[in-house]
N, C-alpha and C. Protein backbone atom coordinates (compact mmCIF):
# COMPACT_ATOMS: atom_id res chain seq x y z
N MET A 1 81.17 22.31 83.01
CA MET A 1 80.04 23.18 82.45
C MET A 1 79.00 23.22 83.57
N ALA A 2 78.27 24.21 83.68
CA ALA A 2 77.24 24.38 84.73
C ALA A 2 75.99 23.60 84.20
N SER A 3 75.29 23.25 85.27
CA SER A 3 74.10 22.49 85.02
C SER A 3 72.83 22.78 85.69
N LEU A 4 71.65 22.28 85.40
CA LEU A 4 70.49 22.69 86.10
C LEU A 4 70.43 22.44 87.60
N HIS A 5 71.39 21.46 87.88
CA HIS A 5 71.66 21.33 89.50
C HIS A 5 72.21 22.57 90.22
N ASP A 6 72.81 23.34 89.40
CA ASP A 6 73.40 24.73 90.12
C ASP A 6 72.76 25.89 89.20
N PRO A 7 71.49 26.16 89.57
CA PRO A 7 70.74 27.18 88.71
C PRO A 7 71.47 28.55 88.44
N LEU A 8 72.07 29.11 89.54
CA LEU A 8 72.69 30.31 89.47
C LEU A 8 73.79 30.36 88.47
N ALA A 9 74.79 29.27 88.64
CA ALA A 9 75.85 29.15 87.71
C ALA A 9 75.36 28.92 86.24
N PHE A 10 74.24 28.13 86.09
CA PHE A 10 73.67 27.73 84.87
C PHE A 10 73.22 29.05 84.27
N LYS A 11 72.53 29.89 85.13
CA LYS A 11 71.97 31.12 84.50
C LYS A 11 73.04 32.19 84.00
N ARG A 12 74.20 32.06 84.84
CA ARG A 12 75.31 32.99 84.44
C ARG A 12 75.79 32.51 82.98
N GLN A 13 75.90 31.03 82.92
CA GLN A 13 76.59 30.52 81.47
C GLN A 13 75.49 31.00 80.52
N LEU A 14 74.10 30.72 80.77
CA LEU A 14 73.19 30.92 79.59
C LEU A 14 73.27 32.48 79.12
N ARG A 15 73.38 33.30 80.22
CA ARG A 15 73.37 34.80 79.99
C ARG A 15 74.51 35.15 79.04
N ARG A 16 75.70 34.68 79.49
CA ARG A 16 77.01 34.94 78.74
C ARG A 16 76.87 34.63 77.30
N GLU A 17 76.36 33.26 77.13
CA GLU A 17 76.26 32.60 75.76
C GLU A 17 75.28 33.29 74.87
N ALA A 18 74.20 33.53 75.46
CA ALA A 18 73.15 34.25 74.78
C ALA A 18 73.40 35.67 74.36
N ARG A 19 74.13 36.37 75.30
CA ARG A 19 74.41 37.84 74.86
C ARG A 19 75.48 37.78 73.74
N GLN A 20 76.26 36.79 73.72
CA GLN A 20 77.30 36.75 72.67
C GLN A 20 76.77 36.45 71.50
N ARG A 21 75.75 35.59 71.28
CA ARG A 21 74.99 35.30 70.15
C ARG A 21 74.11 36.50 69.58
N ARG A 22 73.60 37.24 70.69
CA ARG A 22 72.84 38.31 70.24
C ARG A 22 73.74 39.42 69.74
N ASP A 23 74.78 39.66 70.35
CA ASP A 23 75.78 40.71 69.97
C ASP A 23 76.30 40.33 68.45
N GLN A 24 76.21 39.08 68.15
CA GLN A 24 76.88 38.71 66.81
C GLN A 24 75.75 38.41 65.66
N GLN A 25 74.62 38.77 66.13
CA GLN A 25 73.36 38.62 65.25
C GLN A 25 73.49 39.66 64.10
N ALA A 26 73.49 39.17 62.84
CA ALA A 26 73.40 40.15 61.73
C ALA A 26 71.94 40.67 61.52
N ASP A 27 71.85 41.72 60.66
CA ASP A 27 70.53 42.29 60.30
C ASP A 27 69.61 42.45 61.44
N ARG A 28 70.02 43.05 62.54
CA ARG A 28 69.15 43.22 63.73
C ARG A 28 68.02 44.10 63.46
N GLU A 29 68.25 45.22 62.60
CA GLU A 29 67.30 46.04 62.25
C GLU A 29 66.12 45.37 61.42
N GLN A 30 66.45 44.59 60.43
CA GLN A 30 65.44 43.99 59.44
C GLN A 30 64.73 43.03 60.30
N LEU A 31 65.56 42.22 61.14
CA LEU A 31 64.74 41.04 62.02
C LEU A 31 63.85 41.68 62.97
N SER A 32 64.14 42.86 63.54
CA SER A 32 63.32 43.62 64.41
C SER A 32 62.09 44.01 63.83
N GLN A 33 62.31 44.36 62.38
CA GLN A 33 60.93 44.79 61.85
C GLN A 33 60.01 43.63 61.63
N THR A 34 60.72 42.55 61.46
CA THR A 34 59.69 41.12 61.25
C THR A 34 59.07 41.02 62.62
N ILE A 35 59.90 41.07 63.76
CA ILE A 35 59.37 40.80 65.07
C ILE A 35 58.11 41.84 65.22
N TRP A 36 58.47 43.13 64.96
CA TRP A 36 57.32 43.98 65.24
C TRP A 36 55.99 43.82 64.46
N GLN A 37 56.22 43.38 63.16
CA GLN A 37 55.06 42.96 62.45
C GLN A 37 54.19 41.91 63.11
N ARG A 38 54.86 41.03 63.71
CA ARG A 38 54.08 40.09 64.36
C ARG A 38 53.40 40.49 65.72
N PHE A 39 54.18 41.38 66.37
CA PHE A 39 53.62 42.22 67.63
C PHE A 39 52.49 43.01 67.35
N LEU A 40 52.55 43.82 66.21
CA LEU A 40 51.52 44.70 65.76
C LEU A 40 50.29 43.93 65.39
N SER A 41 50.56 42.69 64.88
CA SER A 41 49.36 41.91 64.42
C SER A 41 48.66 41.03 65.59
N LEU A 42 49.00 41.25 66.77
CA LEU A 42 48.46 40.62 67.89
C LEU A 42 47.06 41.02 67.91
N PRO A 43 45.92 40.29 68.29
CA PRO A 43 44.67 40.82 68.57
C PRO A 43 44.67 41.77 69.91
N GLU A 44 45.70 41.36 70.83
CA GLU A 44 45.63 41.99 72.08
C GLU A 44 46.37 43.42 71.74
N PHE A 45 47.20 43.59 70.86
CA PHE A 45 47.48 44.94 70.48
C PHE A 45 46.45 45.86 70.11
N ALA A 46 45.62 45.24 69.20
CA ALA A 46 44.53 46.01 68.72
C ALA A 46 43.57 46.48 69.81
N ALA A 47 43.34 45.68 70.80
CA ALA A 47 42.46 45.83 71.80
C ALA A 47 43.15 46.76 72.94
N ALA A 48 44.33 46.91 72.98
CA ALA A 48 45.02 47.53 74.18
C ALA A 48 45.05 48.97 74.01
N GLN A 49 44.72 49.69 75.14
CA GLN A 49 44.69 51.11 75.30
C GLN A 49 46.19 51.64 75.72
N THR A 50 46.61 51.14 76.73
CA THR A 50 47.92 51.42 77.26
C THR A 50 49.00 50.34 76.97
N VAL A 51 50.08 50.59 76.33
CA VAL A 51 51.11 49.56 75.91
C VAL A 51 52.38 50.02 76.62
N LEU A 52 52.98 49.12 77.37
CA LEU A 52 54.40 49.33 77.82
C LEU A 52 55.50 48.72 76.94
N LEU A 53 56.35 49.63 76.54
CA LEU A 53 57.43 49.20 75.69
C LEU A 53 58.78 49.67 76.32
N TYR A 54 59.83 48.81 76.18
CA TYR A 54 61.16 49.19 76.38
C TYR A 54 61.80 49.98 75.28
N VAL A 55 62.91 50.72 75.81
CA VAL A 55 63.68 51.50 74.94
C VAL A 55 64.96 50.73 74.56
N ASP A 56 65.20 50.23 73.51
CA ASP A 56 66.23 49.25 73.18
C ASP A 56 67.59 49.85 73.55
N MET A 57 68.43 48.97 73.96
CA MET A 57 69.94 49.27 74.11
C MET A 57 70.78 48.18 73.47
N ARG A 58 72.01 48.71 73.35
CA ARG A 58 73.07 47.52 72.71
C ARG A 58 72.33 46.76 71.71
N SER A 59 72.38 45.42 71.76
CA SER A 59 71.94 44.51 70.62
C SER A 59 70.62 44.10 70.83
N GLU A 60 69.87 44.61 71.77
CA GLU A 60 68.44 44.16 71.87
C GLU A 60 67.43 44.39 70.65
N VAL A 61 66.51 43.59 70.57
CA VAL A 61 65.62 43.82 69.56
C VAL A 61 65.08 45.37 69.53
N ARG A 62 65.14 45.96 68.37
CA ARG A 62 64.94 47.38 68.26
C ARG A 62 63.61 47.72 68.54
N THR A 63 63.29 48.91 69.32
CA THR A 63 61.93 49.46 69.60
C THR A 63 62.05 50.88 69.20
N ARG A 64 62.95 51.50 69.17
CA ARG A 64 62.88 53.13 69.12
C ARG A 64 62.35 53.56 67.77
N PRO A 65 62.68 52.79 66.52
CA PRO A 65 61.98 53.14 65.33
C PRO A 65 60.39 52.88 65.35
N PHE A 66 59.99 52.07 66.30
CA PHE A 66 58.55 51.65 66.23
C PHE A 66 57.65 52.35 67.12
N LEU A 67 58.37 53.06 68.21
CA LEU A 67 57.60 53.88 69.25
C LEU A 67 56.60 54.80 68.47
N PRO A 68 57.02 55.69 67.67
CA PRO A 68 56.04 56.56 66.99
C PRO A 68 54.92 55.69 66.30
N ILE A 69 55.20 54.58 65.78
CA ILE A 69 54.17 53.81 65.10
C ILE A 69 52.98 53.41 65.94
N VAL A 70 53.44 52.99 67.24
CA VAL A 70 52.41 52.66 68.16
C VAL A 70 51.61 53.98 68.77
N MET A 71 52.46 55.07 68.92
CA MET A 71 51.62 56.20 69.17
C MET A 71 50.65 56.75 68.17
N ALA A 72 50.99 56.61 66.95
CA ALA A 72 50.23 57.03 65.86
C ALA A 72 49.02 55.90 65.61
N ALA A 73 49.20 54.68 66.24
CA ALA A 73 48.05 53.78 66.34
C ALA A 73 46.96 54.27 67.43
N GLY A 74 47.26 55.44 68.01
CA GLY A 74 46.15 55.79 68.99
C GLY A 74 46.43 55.06 70.49
N LYS A 75 47.70 54.53 70.71
CA LYS A 75 48.00 53.76 71.95
C LYS A 75 48.60 54.79 72.85
N ARG A 76 48.22 54.73 74.09
CA ARG A 76 48.97 55.47 75.22
C ARG A 76 50.17 54.55 75.37
N VAL A 77 51.48 55.14 75.13
CA VAL A 77 52.72 54.32 75.26
C VAL A 77 53.45 54.82 76.52
N ALA A 78 53.76 53.67 77.39
CA ALA A 78 54.53 53.96 78.51
C ALA A 78 55.95 53.29 78.43
N VAL A 79 56.94 53.86 78.91
CA VAL A 79 58.22 53.46 78.97
C VAL A 79 58.74 53.49 80.32
N PRO A 80 59.64 52.50 80.77
CA PRO A 80 60.16 52.45 82.22
C PRO A 80 61.38 53.36 82.40
N PHE A 81 61.45 53.66 83.80
CA PHE A 81 62.70 54.23 84.11
C PHE A 81 63.09 53.72 85.67
N CYS A 82 64.40 53.73 85.88
CA CYS A 82 64.65 53.29 87.14
C CYS A 82 64.41 54.37 88.35
N GLN A 83 63.89 53.91 89.45
CA GLN A 83 63.84 54.70 90.65
C GLN A 83 64.19 53.82 91.78
N ASN A 84 65.27 54.16 92.50
CA ASN A 84 65.79 53.24 93.47
C ASN A 84 65.95 51.78 92.85
N ASP A 85 65.31 50.86 93.40
CA ASP A 85 65.34 49.51 92.82
C ASP A 85 64.08 48.97 92.16
N GLU A 86 63.38 49.97 91.75
CA GLU A 86 62.09 49.69 90.92
C GLU A 86 62.17 50.31 89.49
N LEU A 87 61.23 49.76 88.68
CA LEU A 87 60.85 50.41 87.50
C LEU A 87 59.63 51.22 87.58
N MET A 88 59.62 52.50 87.37
CA MET A 88 58.57 53.25 87.34
C MET A 88 58.10 53.55 85.82
N LEU A 89 56.96 54.21 85.66
CA LEU A 89 56.42 54.14 84.18
C LEU A 89 55.96 55.47 83.74
N PHE A 90 56.41 55.90 82.57
CA PHE A 90 56.16 57.20 82.14
C PHE A 90 55.43 57.31 80.79
N HIS A 91 54.49 58.29 80.67
CA HIS A 91 53.65 58.41 79.42
C HIS A 91 54.44 59.13 78.35
N LEU A 92 54.98 58.39 77.43
CA LEU A 92 55.75 58.90 76.37
C LEU A 92 55.06 59.31 75.17
N GLN A 93 55.35 60.61 74.82
CA GLN A 93 54.61 61.27 73.76
C GLN A 93 55.57 61.64 72.72
N ASP A 94 56.76 61.86 73.05
CA ASP A 94 57.70 62.27 71.97
C ASP A 94 59.08 61.66 72.40
N LEU A 95 59.84 61.28 71.32
CA LEU A 95 61.19 60.59 71.68
C LEU A 95 62.13 61.64 72.25
N ASP A 96 61.86 62.94 72.05
CA ASP A 96 62.57 64.00 72.65
C ASP A 96 62.61 64.06 74.08
N GLN A 97 61.63 63.56 74.59
CA GLN A 97 61.35 63.49 76.09
C GLN A 97 62.36 62.43 76.84
N LEU A 98 63.38 61.87 75.97
CA LEU A 98 64.14 60.73 76.62
C LEU A 98 65.56 61.33 76.57
N SER A 99 66.38 60.80 77.57
CA SER A 99 67.69 61.20 77.68
C SER A 99 68.43 59.92 78.24
N PRO A 100 69.78 59.69 78.18
CA PRO A 100 70.58 58.64 78.85
C PRO A 100 70.32 58.67 80.33
N GLY A 101 69.96 57.56 80.93
CA GLY A 101 69.71 57.42 82.26
C GLY A 101 70.39 56.14 82.87
N CYS A 102 69.65 55.37 83.64
CA CYS A 102 70.34 54.30 84.37
C CYS A 102 70.86 53.31 83.40
N PHE A 103 72.30 52.91 83.59
CA PHE A 103 72.90 51.92 82.70
C PHE A 103 72.98 52.49 81.26
N GLY A 104 72.85 53.63 81.00
CA GLY A 104 72.95 54.33 79.65
C GLY A 104 71.66 54.13 78.89
N VAL A 105 70.64 53.60 79.48
CA VAL A 105 69.33 53.42 78.70
C VAL A 105 68.62 54.82 78.59
N LEU A 106 68.15 54.98 77.54
CA LEU A 106 67.27 56.17 77.19
C LEU A 106 65.92 56.00 78.19
N GLU A 107 65.97 57.06 79.01
CA GLU A 107 64.81 57.23 79.93
C GLU A 107 64.22 58.63 79.89
N PRO A 108 62.95 58.84 80.51
CA PRO A 108 62.36 60.12 80.61
C PRO A 108 63.38 61.11 81.31
N ARG A 109 63.41 62.32 80.81
CA ARG A 109 64.32 63.27 81.35
C ARG A 109 63.96 63.59 82.88
N GLU A 110 64.93 63.88 83.62
CA GLU A 110 64.71 64.07 85.01
C GLU A 110 63.58 64.96 85.38
N GLU A 111 63.52 66.10 84.68
CA GLU A 111 62.66 67.15 84.98
C GLU A 111 61.15 66.77 84.69
N LEU A 112 60.84 65.67 83.89
CA LEU A 112 59.62 65.21 83.56
C LEU A 112 59.14 64.12 84.47
N ARG A 113 59.95 63.56 85.18
CA ARG A 113 59.48 62.30 85.95
C ARG A 113 58.50 62.56 87.01
N ASP A 114 58.54 63.78 87.61
CA ASP A 114 57.53 64.15 88.66
C ASP A 114 56.30 64.73 88.07
N VAL A 115 56.07 64.87 86.87
CA VAL A 115 54.90 65.59 86.25
C VAL A 115 53.82 64.43 86.50
N ALA A 116 52.84 64.68 87.17
CA ALA A 116 51.86 63.74 87.72
C ALA A 116 51.00 63.29 86.40
N SER A 117 50.76 64.25 85.41
CA SER A 117 49.91 63.83 84.12
C SER A 117 50.77 62.89 83.27
N LEU A 118 52.05 62.76 83.56
CA LEU A 118 52.90 61.77 82.63
C LEU A 118 53.19 60.46 83.40
N ARG A 119 52.72 60.29 84.54
CA ARG A 119 53.09 59.04 85.33
C ARG A 119 52.04 58.03 84.85
N VAL A 120 52.43 56.78 84.72
CA VAL A 120 51.64 55.69 84.33
C VAL A 120 51.66 54.64 85.51
N GLU A 121 50.55 54.17 86.07
CA GLU A 121 50.53 53.10 87.14
C GLU A 121 50.58 51.76 86.45
N ALA A 122 51.27 50.79 86.89
CA ALA A 122 51.41 49.42 86.44
C ALA A 122 50.01 48.76 86.19
N GLU A 123 49.00 49.02 86.93
CA GLU A 123 47.78 48.53 86.86
C GLU A 123 47.01 48.99 85.54
N GLU A 124 47.52 50.07 85.00
CA GLU A 124 47.01 50.64 83.84
C GLU A 124 47.35 49.96 82.45
N ILE A 125 48.42 49.09 82.65
CA ILE A 125 48.90 48.54 81.44
C ILE A 125 48.18 47.26 80.93
N ASP A 126 47.74 47.38 79.66
CA ASP A 126 47.10 46.35 79.05
C ASP A 126 48.02 45.31 78.37
N LEU A 127 49.10 45.74 77.86
CA LEU A 127 49.94 44.98 77.01
C LEU A 127 51.39 45.43 77.27
N VAL A 128 52.33 44.47 77.44
CA VAL A 128 53.84 44.82 77.64
C VAL A 128 54.69 44.05 76.77
N MET A 129 55.67 44.78 76.20
CA MET A 129 56.82 44.20 75.46
C MET A 129 58.09 44.15 76.42
N VAL A 130 58.54 42.93 76.71
CA VAL A 130 59.60 42.72 77.62
C VAL A 130 60.92 42.41 76.84
N PRO A 131 62.17 43.05 77.28
CA PRO A 131 63.36 42.56 76.76
C PRO A 131 63.81 41.60 77.58
N GLY A 132 65.09 40.83 77.27
CA GLY A 132 65.79 39.96 77.98
C GLY A 132 66.91 39.39 77.23
N VAL A 133 67.81 38.65 78.00
CA VAL A 133 68.91 38.03 77.37
C VAL A 133 68.54 36.69 76.65
N ALA A 134 67.78 35.59 77.38
CA ALA A 134 67.55 34.55 76.84
C ALA A 134 66.06 34.06 77.16
N PHE A 135 65.42 33.36 76.24
CA PHE A 135 64.08 32.73 76.65
C PHE A 135 64.00 31.27 76.23
N ASP A 136 63.06 30.72 76.86
CA ASP A 136 62.71 29.34 76.26
C ASP A 136 61.37 29.21 75.82
N ARG A 137 60.91 28.14 75.27
CA ARG A 137 59.61 28.13 74.56
C ARG A 137 58.45 27.82 75.53
N ARG A 138 58.76 27.73 76.69
CA ARG A 138 57.54 27.77 77.72
C ARG A 138 57.31 29.14 78.23
N GLY A 139 58.13 30.11 77.95
CA GLY A 139 57.95 31.35 78.32
C GLY A 139 58.91 31.91 79.37
N GLY A 140 59.87 30.99 79.83
CA GLY A 140 60.90 31.28 80.73
C GLY A 140 61.82 32.33 80.27
N ARG A 141 62.12 33.32 81.17
CA ARG A 141 63.02 34.43 80.82
C ARG A 141 64.37 34.67 81.63
N LEU A 142 65.31 35.00 81.01
CA LEU A 142 66.55 35.22 81.63
C LEU A 142 66.79 36.71 81.58
N GLY A 143 66.86 37.55 82.30
CA GLY A 143 66.99 39.01 82.26
C GLY A 143 68.69 39.24 82.63
N TYR A 144 68.84 40.41 83.10
CA TYR A 144 70.19 40.91 83.23
C TYR A 144 70.67 40.71 84.56
N GLY A 145 69.86 40.10 85.51
CA GLY A 145 70.25 39.69 86.83
C GLY A 145 69.99 40.69 87.85
N LYS A 146 69.26 41.70 87.54
CA LYS A 146 68.99 42.74 88.67
C LYS A 146 67.45 42.48 89.21
N GLY A 147 66.59 41.75 88.44
CA GLY A 147 65.28 41.60 88.80
C GLY A 147 64.25 42.74 88.59
N TYR A 148 64.65 43.84 87.77
CA TYR A 148 63.87 45.03 87.67
C TYR A 148 62.54 44.46 87.05
N TYR A 149 62.67 43.72 85.91
CA TYR A 149 61.40 43.58 85.26
C TYR A 149 60.43 42.48 85.96
N ASP A 150 61.14 41.69 86.82
CA ASP A 150 60.22 40.61 87.48
C ASP A 150 59.42 41.31 88.46
N ARG A 151 60.01 42.37 89.11
CA ARG A 151 59.33 43.19 90.22
C ARG A 151 58.15 43.96 89.47
N LEU A 152 58.52 44.46 88.23
CA LEU A 152 57.53 45.26 87.56
C LEU A 152 56.25 44.40 87.18
N LEU A 153 56.61 43.19 86.58
CA LEU A 153 55.63 42.38 86.02
C LEU A 153 54.62 41.95 87.02
N ARG A 154 55.17 41.57 88.32
CA ARG A 154 54.38 41.25 89.32
C ARG A 154 53.32 42.31 89.75
N ARG A 155 53.56 43.67 89.38
CA ARG A 155 52.52 44.84 89.59
C ARG A 155 51.60 44.80 88.74
N LEU A 156 51.58 44.12 87.59
CA LEU A 156 50.54 44.27 86.47
C LEU A 156 49.34 43.49 86.77
N ARG A 157 48.16 43.96 86.19
CA ARG A 157 46.96 43.28 86.35
C ARG A 157 46.99 41.79 85.74
N PRO A 158 46.31 40.83 86.25
CA PRO A 158 46.45 39.43 85.86
C PRO A 158 46.06 39.34 84.46
N ASP A 159 45.24 40.26 83.87
CA ASP A 159 44.81 39.83 82.46
C ASP A 159 45.73 40.72 81.58
N ALA A 160 46.88 41.46 81.93
CA ALA A 160 47.65 42.07 81.07
C ALA A 160 48.48 41.09 80.30
N LEU A 161 48.69 41.29 79.01
CA LEU A 161 49.40 40.44 78.18
C LEU A 161 50.92 40.71 78.22
N VAL A 162 51.91 39.65 78.61
CA VAL A 162 53.25 39.95 78.82
C VAL A 162 53.97 39.22 77.48
N VAL A 163 54.43 40.00 76.65
CA VAL A 163 55.21 39.57 75.44
C VAL A 163 56.59 39.84 75.41
N ALA A 164 57.48 38.92 75.15
CA ALA A 164 58.93 38.95 75.09
C ALA A 164 59.14 39.17 73.57
N ALA A 165 60.06 40.12 73.29
CA ALA A 165 60.58 40.31 72.01
C ALA A 165 62.16 39.77 72.01
N ALA A 166 62.31 38.81 71.07
CA ALA A 166 63.92 38.27 70.96
C ALA A 166 64.14 37.80 69.69
N PHE A 167 65.40 37.75 69.38
CA PHE A 167 65.83 37.04 68.23
C PHE A 167 65.82 35.56 68.38
N GLU A 168 65.78 34.76 67.47
CA GLU A 168 65.61 33.33 67.51
C GLU A 168 66.86 32.72 68.18
N CYS A 169 68.17 33.52 68.08
CA CYS A 169 69.34 33.09 68.36
C CYS A 169 69.18 32.99 70.01
N GLN A 170 68.45 33.79 70.69
CA GLN A 170 68.18 33.85 72.13
C GLN A 170 67.39 32.85 72.81
N ILE A 171 66.74 31.98 71.88
CA ILE A 171 65.83 30.83 72.26
C ILE A 171 66.77 29.78 72.84
N VAL A 172 66.56 29.17 73.98
CA VAL A 172 67.39 28.00 74.54
C VAL A 172 66.48 27.10 74.94
N PRO A 173 67.14 25.74 75.25
CA PRO A 173 66.06 24.64 75.54
C PRO A 173 65.31 24.85 76.84
N GLU A 174 65.91 25.30 77.85
CA GLU A 174 65.34 25.44 79.09
C GLU A 174 66.02 26.59 79.99
N ILE A 175 65.28 27.39 80.60
CA ILE A 175 65.83 28.28 81.64
C ILE A 175 65.30 27.98 82.99
N PRO A 176 66.20 27.66 83.85
CA PRO A 176 65.76 27.32 85.27
C PRO A 176 64.90 28.57 85.84
N MET A 177 63.85 28.21 86.20
CA MET A 177 62.94 29.29 86.82
C MET A 177 62.68 29.13 88.13
N GLN A 178 62.81 30.14 89.07
CA GLN A 178 62.38 30.07 90.47
C GLN A 178 61.09 30.95 90.69
N HIS A 179 60.68 30.80 91.76
CA HIS A 179 59.37 31.31 92.22
C HIS A 179 59.17 32.79 92.09
N HIS A 180 60.30 33.38 92.14
CA HIS A 180 60.07 34.92 91.98
C HIS A 180 60.17 35.47 90.54
N ASP A 181 60.56 34.36 89.61
CA ASP A 181 60.67 34.74 88.08
C ASP A 181 59.43 34.69 87.50
N VAL A 182 59.13 35.61 86.58
CA VAL A 182 57.73 35.76 85.97
C VAL A 182 57.91 35.20 84.55
N PHE A 183 56.91 34.09 84.02
CA PHE A 183 56.84 33.69 82.75
C PHE A 183 56.20 34.76 81.89
N MET A 184 56.68 34.66 80.61
CA MET A 184 56.09 35.40 79.58
C MET A 184 54.84 34.60 78.97
N ASP A 185 53.78 35.39 78.62
CA ASP A 185 52.67 34.86 77.95
C ASP A 185 52.97 34.37 76.48
N VAL A 186 53.64 35.10 75.97
CA VAL A 186 54.11 35.00 74.53
C VAL A 186 55.52 35.43 74.25
N VAL A 187 56.15 34.62 73.43
CA VAL A 187 57.58 35.07 73.17
C VAL A 187 57.59 35.07 71.52
N ILE A 188 58.00 36.44 70.83
CA ILE A 188 57.90 36.58 69.52
C ILE A 188 59.31 36.65 68.99
N THR A 189 59.80 35.99 67.98
CA THR A 189 61.07 36.21 67.31
C THR A 189 60.76 36.39 65.93
N GLU A 190 61.90 36.50 65.07
CA GLU A 190 61.61 36.56 63.62
C GLU A 190 61.10 35.36 62.97
N LYS A 191 61.24 34.17 63.76
CA LYS A 191 60.88 32.95 63.00
C LYS A 191 59.51 32.31 63.67
N ALA A 192 58.98 32.92 64.76
CA ALA A 192 57.81 32.19 65.24
C ALA A 192 57.32 33.05 66.37
N VAL A 193 55.94 32.75 66.59
CA VAL A 193 55.28 33.30 67.75
C VAL A 193 55.01 32.07 68.79
N TYR A 194 55.69 32.05 69.91
CA TYR A 194 55.53 30.94 70.89
C TYR A 194 54.58 31.29 71.90
N GLU A 195 53.39 30.48 71.82
CA GLU A 195 52.29 30.74 72.82
C GLU A 195 52.67 29.95 74.18
N CYS A 196 52.88 30.79 75.12
CA CYS A 196 53.43 30.21 76.54
C CYS A 196 52.39 30.16 77.64
N ARG A 197 51.30 30.79 77.47
CA ARG A 197 50.26 30.93 78.51
C ARG A 197 49.86 29.66 79.22
N LYS A 198 49.78 28.53 78.51
CA LYS A 198 49.27 27.30 79.09
C LYS A 198 50.60 26.76 79.90
N ALA A 199 51.69 26.79 79.45
CA ALA A 199 52.90 26.21 80.07
C ALA A 199 53.19 27.01 81.34
N ALA A 200 52.98 28.42 81.27
CA ALA A 200 53.27 29.11 82.55
C ALA A 200 52.28 28.69 83.67
N LYS A 201 50.89 28.69 83.33
CA LYS A 201 50.02 28.26 84.30
C LYS A 201 50.28 26.77 84.84
N VAL A 202 50.74 25.88 84.07
CA VAL A 202 51.24 24.55 84.62
C VAL A 202 52.25 24.82 85.58
N PHE A 203 53.44 25.53 85.14
CA PHE A 203 54.37 25.64 86.30
C PHE A 203 53.90 26.24 87.47
N GLN A 204 53.17 27.36 87.40
CA GLN A 204 52.67 28.13 88.60
C GLN A 204 51.88 27.22 89.43
N ARG A 205 50.96 26.32 88.89
CA ARG A 205 50.12 25.58 89.68
C ARG A 205 50.85 24.45 90.26
N GLU A 206 51.90 23.77 89.61
CA GLU A 206 52.80 22.79 90.26
C GLU A 206 53.66 23.33 91.21
N GLY A 207 54.03 24.72 91.06
CA GLY A 207 54.95 25.25 92.15
C GLY A 207 54.12 25.60 93.49
């Protein structure tokens, strides 16, 4: 069995096991609704003007049913799309603006991506909901192994709140974090809201 002494092998094992648990999770739609109720209740959501949300794929916590709710709350909604090895951001106003893109994820249609008025800069984001495969209670995140979100999150303002959405089955005791990995400020599941900001700052200070 892989161990913390071999972080890459350990991450591969965690990723495989967590994805299997997430794929087998029952009632994903209902649990996603509970997670979203917690997210929408955050004081940072009430204060945010521009909110970055992912568009769910496969067995991730659902977001598509809730994108219109965030828009109706008067928020400027941004969604990511792949451009080379980076995630760029798009001002989403209607789900019809999306079509299958990188890795089959719904992304802004090609002809809309270069419209200047629909581009969003990372520095404009106040609040972001982040997907992932596994998380720990310190805010450690295990993504899909490509580093897209880590690179994006490093471009945010320091005061932007980074929130992970996950099912409780994705929470693991510890994820080995390296210096290029970005901690979550908050992890929300159907069971709890894990406040991680203090733990992340301690790790960064010690690192």
